[in-house]
Structure formats: C-alpha cells, structure tokens
C-alpha atoms as a PDB file:
ATOM      1  CA  MET A   1      87.297  34.519  93.770  1.00  0.00           C
ATOM      2  CA  SER A   2      87.888  36.581  90.306  1.00  0.00           C
ATOM      3  CA  ALA A   3      86.703  40.497  89.766  1.00  0.00           C
ATOM      4  CA  CYS A   4      83.502  39.174  87.511  1.00  0.00           C
ATOM      5  CA  ALA A   5      82.378  36.904  89.913  1.00  0.00           C
ATOM      6  CA  LEU A   6      82.844  39.581  93.057  1.00  0.00           C
ATOM      7  CA  TRP A   7      80.978  41.866  90.711  1.00  0.00           C
ATOM      8  CA  LEU A   8      78.513  39.400  89.950  1.00  0.00           C
ATOM      9  CA  CYS A   9      77.693  38.770  94.406  1.00  0.00           C
ATOM     10  CA  CYS A  10      78.031  41.896  94.508  1.00  0.00           C
ATOM     11  CA  ALA A  11      75.230  43.024  91.991  1.00  0.00           C
ATOM     12  CA  GLY A  12      73.190  40.371  93.991  1.00  0.00           C
ATOM     13  CA  LEU A  13      73.483  37.734  91.151  1.00  0.00           C
ATOM     14  CA  PRO A  14      73.351  34.183  92.039  1.00  0.00           C
ATOM     15  CA  ILE A  15      77.072  32.410  90.627  1.00  0.00           C
ATOM     16  CA  ALA A  16      76.866  28.914  89.805  1.00  0.00           C
ATOM     17  CA  PHE A  17      80.058  27.192  90.904  1.00  0.00           C
ATOM     18  CA  ALA A  18      81.875  23.980  89.018  1.00  0.00           C
ATOM     19  CA  ASP A  19      81.351  21.681  91.552  1.00  0.00           C
ATOM     20  CA  ALA A  20      78.203  22.785  93.084  1.00  0.00           C
ATOM     21  CA  PRO A  21      75.807  19.653  92.908  1.00  0.00           C
ATOM     22  CA  VAL A  22      73.035  20.565  90.033  1.00  0.00           C
ATOM     23  CA  ALA A  23      69.319  19.247  91.084  1.00  0.00           C
ATOM     24  CA  ALA A  24      67.623  16.803  89.117  1.00  0.00           C
ATOM     25  CA  PRO A  25      64.361  17.770  87.464  1.00  0.00           C
ATOM     26  CA  PRO A  26      61.474  16.451  89.424  1.00  0.00           C
ATOM     27  CA  HIS A  27      60.785  13.682  86.481  1.00  0.00           C
ATOM     28  CA  ILE A  28      64.130  12.277  87.245  1.00  0.00           C
ATOM     29  CA  ALA A  29      63.964  12.905  90.883  1.00  0.00           C
ATOM     30  CA  SER A  30      60.899  11.123  91.141  1.00  0.00           C
ATOM     31  CA  GLU A  31      61.900   8.088  89.118  1.00  0.00           C
ATOM     32  CA  LEU A  32      65.681   8.209  90.652  1.00  0.00           C
ATOM     33  CA  PRO A  33      66.020   9.223  94.372  1.00  0.00           C
ATOM     34  CA  GLN A  34      69.100  10.892  94.738  1.00  0.00           C
ATOM     35  CA  ALA A  35      69.855  11.634  91.204  1.00  0.00           C
ATOM     36  CA  GLY A  36      73.257  13.310  90.308  1.00  0.00           C
ATOM     37  CA  LEU A  37      74.472  14.697  87.088  1.00  0.00           C
ATOM     38  CA  LYS A  38      77.326  12.191  86.395  1.00  0.00           C
ATOM     39  CA  GLY A  39      78.003  13.936  82.745  1.00  0.00           C
ATOM     40  CA  SER A  40      77.201  15.826  80.093  1.00  0.00           C
ATOM     41  CA  GLY A  41      77.807  16.869  76.684  1.00  0.00           C
ATOM     42  CA  THR A  42      76.680  17.735  73.177  1.00  0.00           C
ATOM     43  CA  TYR A  43      75.905  15.901  70.221  1.00  0.00           C
ATOM     44  CA  ARG A  44      77.299  17.358  67.031  1.00  0.00           C
ATOM     45  CA  TRP A  45      76.679  16.546  63.383  1.00  0.00           C
ATOM     46  CA  PHE A  46      78.675  17.699  60.783  1.00  0.00           C
ATOM     47  CA  GLY A  47      79.651  20.403  63.237  1.00  0.00           C
ATOM     48  CA  LEU A  48      75.794  21.304  63.744  1.00  0.00           C
ATOM     49  CA  SER A  49      74.439  21.228  67.696  1.00  0.00           C
ATOM     50  CA  ILE A  50      71.841  18.266  67.313  1.00  0.00           C
ATOM     51  CA  TYR A  51      71.644  17.902  71.057  1.00  0.00           C
ATOM     52  CA  ASP A  52      72.659  18.353  74.261  1.00  0.00           C
ATOM     53  CA  ALA A  53      72.853  15.022  76.684  1.00  0.00           C
ATOM     54  CA  SER A  54      73.173  15.081  80.301  1.00  0.00           C
ATOM     55  CA  LEU A  55      73.575  10.944  82.213  1.00  0.00           C
ATOM     56  CA  TRP A  56      71.854  11.250  85.975  1.00  0.00           C
ATOM     57  CA  THR A  57      72.479   8.043  88.103  1.00  0.00           C
ATOM     58  CA  GLY A  58      71.753   7.326  91.509  1.00  0.00           C
ATOM     59  CA  PRO A  59      74.304   7.863  94.892  1.00  0.00           C
ATOM     60  CA  GLU A  60      75.844   4.485  94.158  1.00  0.00           C
ATOM     61  CA  PRO A  61      78.848   4.279  91.739  1.00  0.00           C
ATOM     62  CA  LEU A  62      77.978   3.733  88.117  1.00  0.00           C
ATOM     63  CA  THR A  63      79.681   0.423  87.523  1.00  0.00           C
ATOM     64  CA  ASP A  64      77.713  -1.133  85.278  1.00  0.00           C
ATOM     65  CA  TRP A  65      74.727   1.371  83.552  1.00  0.00           C
ATOM     66  CA  GLN A  66      72.993  -2.073  82.173  1.00  0.00           C
ATOM     67  CA  LYS A  67      72.394  -2.917  85.974  1.00  0.00           C
ATOM     68  CA  GLN A  68      71.472   0.538  87.240  1.00  0.00           C
ATOM     69  CA  LYS A  69      68.858   2.614  86.857  1.00  0.00           C
ATOM     70  CA  ILE A  70      69.581   5.468  85.147  1.00  0.00           C
ATOM     71  CA  ALA A  71      67.798   8.622  83.264  1.00  0.00           C
ATOM     72  CA  LEU A  72      69.503  10.163  79.687  1.00  0.00           C
ATOM     73  CA  ASP A  73      68.416  13.750  79.136  1.00  0.00           C
ATOM     74  CA  LEU A  74      68.656  15.317  75.638  1.00  0.00           C
ATOM     75  CA  ARG A  75      68.086  19.150  74.922  1.00  0.00           C
ATOM     76  CA  TYR A  76      67.261  19.270  71.636  1.00  0.00           C
ATOM     77  CA  ALA A  77      68.964  22.010  69.621  1.00  0.00           C
ATOM     78  CA  ARG A  78      67.170  22.002  66.484  1.00  0.00           C
ATOM     79  CA  ASN A  79      63.360  20.924  65.347  1.00  0.00           C
ATOM     80  CA  LEU A  80      63.228  17.215  64.610  1.00  0.00           C
ATOM     81  CA  VAL A  81      60.394  15.310  63.481  1.00  0.00           C
ATOM     82  CA  GLY A  82      59.603  11.959  65.363  1.00  0.00           C
ATOM     83  CA  HIS A  83      60.126   9.345  62.834  1.00  0.00           C
ATOM     84  CA  ARG A  84      63.210  10.602  61.842  1.00  0.00           C
ATOM     85  CA  ILE A  85      64.898  10.482  65.349  1.00  0.00           C
ATOM     86  CA  ALA A  86      63.030   6.415  65.668  1.00  0.00           C
ATOM     87  CA  ASP A  87      64.758   6.173  62.234  1.00  0.00           C
ATOM     88  CA  ALA A  88      68.602   7.417  63.298  1.00  0.00           C
ATOM     89  CA  SER A  89      67.943   5.289  66.777  1.00  0.00           C
ATOM     90  CA  ALA A  90      67.625   1.940  64.745  1.00  0.00           C
ATOM     91  CA  GLN A  91      70.625   2.803  62.574  1.00  0.00           C
ATOM     92  CA  GLU A  92      73.017   3.338  65.801  1.00  0.00           C
ATOM     93  CA  MET A  93      71.110   0.159  67.080  1.00  0.00           C
ATOM     94  CA  GLU A  94      71.878  -2.149  64.145  1.00  0.00           C
ATOM     95  CA  LYS A  95      75.363  -0.700  63.389  1.00  0.00           C
ATOM     96  CA  LEU A  96      75.879  -1.881  67.151  1.00  0.00           C
ATOM     97  CA  HIS A  97      74.620  -4.942  66.439  1.00  0.00           C
ATOM     98  CA  GLN A  98      72.231  -5.114  68.921  1.00  0.00           C
ATOM     99  CA  GLY A  99      69.156  -7.527  68.577  1.00  0.00           C
ATOM    100  CA  SER A 100      67.813  -9.258  65.434  1.00  0.00           C
ATOM    101  CA  THR A 101      66.473  -7.617  62.390  1.00  0.00           C
ATOM    102  CA  ALA A 102      62.783  -8.861  63.246  1.00  0.00           C
ATOM    103  CA  GLN A 103      63.448  -7.182  66.875  1.00  0.00           C
ATOM    104  CA  ARG A 104      64.772  -3.905  65.744  1.00  0.00           C
ATOM    105  CA  GLN A 105      61.733  -3.678  62.820  1.00  0.00           C
ATOM    106  CA  GLN A 106      59.562  -3.865  65.980  1.00  0.00           C
ATOM    107  CA  TRP A 107      61.651  -1.689  67.965  1.00  0.00           C
ATOM    108  CA  LEU A 108      61.131   0.854  65.304  1.00  0.00           C
ATOM    109  CA  ARG A 109      57.536   0.630  65.358  1.00  0.00           C
ATOM    110  CA  GLN A 110      57.439   1.158  68.599  1.00  0.00           C
ATOM    111  CA  MET A 111      59.602   4.290  68.568  1.00  0.00           C
ATOM    112  CA  THR A 112      58.096   5.729  65.670  1.00  0.00           C
ATOM    113  CA  SER A 113      54.401   5.407  67.347  1.00  0.00           C
ATOM    114  CA  LEU A 114      55.972   6.975  70.688  1.00  0.00           C
ATOM    115  CA  PHE A 115      58.811   9.542  69.541  1.00  0.00           C
ATOM    116  CA  PRO A 116      56.802  12.834  68.663  1.00  0.00           C
ATOM    117  CA  ASP A 117      58.421  15.821  67.024  1.00  0.00           C
ATOM    118  CA  VAL A 118      60.699  17.877  68.788  1.00  0.00           C
ATOM    119  CA  LYS A 119      61.599  21.906  68.564  1.00  0.00           C
ATOM    120  CA  GLU A 120      64.233  23.485  69.581  1.00  0.00           C
ATOM    121  CA  GLY A 121      64.893  23.412  73.154  1.00  0.00           C
ATOM    122  CA  THR A 122      62.519  20.642  73.765  1.00  0.00           C
ATOM    123  CA  HIS A 123      63.716  17.572  76.265  1.00  0.00           C
ATOM    124  CA  ILE A 124      63.398  13.965  75.883  1.00  0.00           C
ATOM    125  CA  THR A 125      64.499  11.787  79.024  1.00  0.00           C
ATOM    126  CA  GLY A 126      64.762   8.293  78.784  1.00  0.00           C
ATOM    127  CA  MET A 127      64.442   6.413  82.315  1.00  0.00           C
ATOM    128  CA  TYR A 128      66.842   2.993  81.549  1.00  0.00           C
ATOM    129  CA  VAL A 129      65.226   0.427  84.363  1.00  0.00           C
ATOM    130  CA  PRO A 130      66.887  -2.803  84.382  1.00  0.00           C
ATOM    131  CA  SER A 131      65.342  -6.082  83.570  1.00  0.00           C
ATOM    132  CA  GLU A 132      62.009  -3.881  82.435  1.00  0.00           C
ATOM    133  CA  GLY A 133      62.022  -1.572  79.753  1.00  0.00           C
ATOM    134  CA  ALA A 134      62.609   1.622  79.135  1.00  0.00           C
ATOM    135  CA  LYS A 135      60.502   4.907  80.209  1.00  0.00           C
ATOM    136  CA  PHE A 136      60.083   8.751  77.648  1.00  0.00           C
ATOM    137  CA  TYR A 137      59.268  11.922  79.181  1.00  0.00           C
ATOM    138  CA  VAL A 138      58.813  15.114  77.033  1.00  0.00           C
ATOM    139  CA  ASP A 139      59.617  18.080  78.871  1.00  0.00           C
ATOM    140  CA  GLY A 140      59.122  16.394  81.944  1.00  0.00           C
ATOM    141  CA  LYS A 141      55.863  14.679  81.177  1.00  0.00           C
ATOM    142  CA  LEU A 142      55.365  10.746  81.270  1.00  0.00           C
ATOM    143  CA  LEU A 143      54.899  10.453  76.985  1.00  0.00           C
ATOM    144  CA  GLY A 144      54.924   6.320  77.427  1.00  0.00           C
ATOM    145  CA  GLU A 145      57.167   3.399  77.687  1.00  0.00           C
ATOM    146  CA  ILE A 146      58.414   0.288  75.924  1.00  0.00           C
ATOM    147  CA  ARG A 147      58.117  -2.871  78.577  1.00  0.00           C
ATOM    148  CA  ASP A 148      61.543  -4.503  76.838  1.00  0.00           C
ATOM    149  CA  ALA A 149      64.459  -5.497  78.486  1.00  0.00           C
ATOM    150  CA  GLU A 150      66.548  -5.793  75.308  1.00  0.00           C
ATOM    151  CA  PHE A 151      64.903  -2.969  73.385  1.00  0.00           C
ATOM    152  CA  ALA A 152      66.205  -0.623  76.631  1.00  0.00           C
ATOM    153  CA  ARG A 153      70.097  -2.303  76.642  1.00  0.00           C
ATOM    154  CA  ALA A 154      69.946  -1.390  72.707  1.00  0.00           C
ATOM    155  CA  PHE A 155      68.683   1.860  73.082  1.00  0.00           C
ATOM    156  CA  PHE A 156      71.161   3.198  75.746  1.00  0.00           C
ATOM    157  CA  ALA A 157      73.636   1.431  74.292  1.00  0.00           C
ATOM    158  CA  ILE A 158      73.675   4.254  71.273  1.00  0.00           C
ATOM    159  CA  TRP A 159      75.057   6.223  73.807  1.00  0.00           C
ATOM    160  CA  LEU A 160      76.757   3.903  76.704  1.00  0.00           C
ATOM    161  CA  ASP A 161      78.434   0.721  74.761  1.00  0.00           C
ATOM    162  CA  PRO A 162      82.066   1.421  73.808  1.00  0.00           C
ATOM    163  CA  GLN A 163      81.390   1.242  70.001  1.00  0.00           C
ATOM    164  CA  THR A 164      79.356   4.034  69.936  1.00  0.00           C
ATOM    165  CA  SER A 165      79.528   6.375  66.834  1.00  0.00           C
ATOM    166  CA  ALA A 166      80.136   9.158  69.487  1.00  0.00           C
ATOM    167  CA  PRO A 167      82.930   7.793  71.812  1.00  0.00           C
ATOM    168  CA  GLU A 168      83.416  11.882  72.482  1.00  0.00           C
ATOM    169  CA  LEU A 169      80.041  12.248  73.903  1.00  0.00           C
ATOM    170  CA  ARG A 170      80.313   8.928  75.627  1.00  0.00           C
ATOM    171  CA  LYS A 171      83.169   9.784  77.948  1.00  0.00           C
ATOM    172  CA  LYS A 172      81.460  12.821  78.745  1.00  0.00           C
ATOM    173  CA  LEU A 173      78.377  11.219  79.754  1.00  0.00           C
ATOM    174  CA  LEU A 174      80.065   8.952  81.910  1.00  0.00           C
ATOM    175  CA  GLY A 175      81.895  11.542  83.431  1.00  0.00           C
ATOM    176  CA  LEU A 176      85.790  10.509  81.704  1.00  0.00           C
ATOM    177  CA  THR A 177      86.340  14.108  80.630  1.00  0.00           C
ATOM    178  CA  PRO A 178      85.249  17.939  81.406  1.00  0.00           C
ATOM    179  CA  PRO A 179      81.699  18.141  80.072  1.00  0.00           C
ATOM    180  CA  SER A 180      81.753  20.801  76.833  1.00  0.00           C
ATOM    181  CA  HIS A 181      80.636  24.343  77.153  1.00  0.00           C
END
C-alpha cells in the first residue's frame, strides 16, 4: 500500500482500488441485471472534452454487442443543445453508411424530438435492446424510446462499429485498452 493510500486509510477516507467492481447506476441495474462496467473513456473534439462514456454489459462475455442488451452512459462535460446532439448522431450514422437516406431523416426527426439540451454533468444513457430498439434516460429517469431495431443498431454503431470516427474511445469502451483518467 502506498504512503498516500495508507494516509487516506488512516484518515478514515474510503479508497477505491483499480480492480474493485463499480456498481451500475440504479436505472442501468434495473434494465440490465448484474451489469458490469466493460470500459470507459473520454470523447474529445479538437482537444476539448465533450463527454465521458461508459459501456455497461451483463455478466456474459460481450462477443457481439448487436445480440446483447447493453447500456452506454454519456456524462457531458459541457452544455450542448439537443438538436445538435441529434444532428451529430445522424451525421455519424451517415458516415458509417447506416440506414437509407429516408431512414436517417426519420431517425433525425425522432432524435430531435427526444434528445434534450444538456448541461455540464448531465448523463444521457442509451439502452440497446436487440431486435427491439433503444431506450434513453436522462440523469437516471426514462426519457423515451425509439422502437426500431435498425435505428438502435445504427445509433450504437456510432461508438461500437470498427469504422467509428472515435476508434480509441471504442477500444476503451470495449475494454481493449486501459480507460483514460
């Protein structure tokens, strides 16, 4: 034990060890029993921190995210307008060749009507439900859902597809590299 950890222990302060499991937030645990943190990282744009992302999975090994219920939690590092979040999501789906033009236009309308403006510290959690769609939570409260399996695959592909525009974040979310601090 390091001198710093020993001091914290003696001072009666809790210590979180790197290998200690992290408890899932209640809204994730209720949707995904026995949820465990698969990985996490920070998304940056031109050096600016936009959000911290965490991927939660069930107890079974994550072999194909498209066939398993998962949760992606984003904690925003700055204020953003909801329609801009929807626009950016639709643009990323297009870059990944997800859905037809008509589908992406429909998805953009749905996301625009659903996604709220966020402030620094706001959490938006997306719950991927295979063959059904996606549910969205804001700060642990159900915001709504889009019951379209193709939309859900396209939306989560933004982070988990091998061709994502954020490959380092993808690796961290999938636990392939250590998380950023």
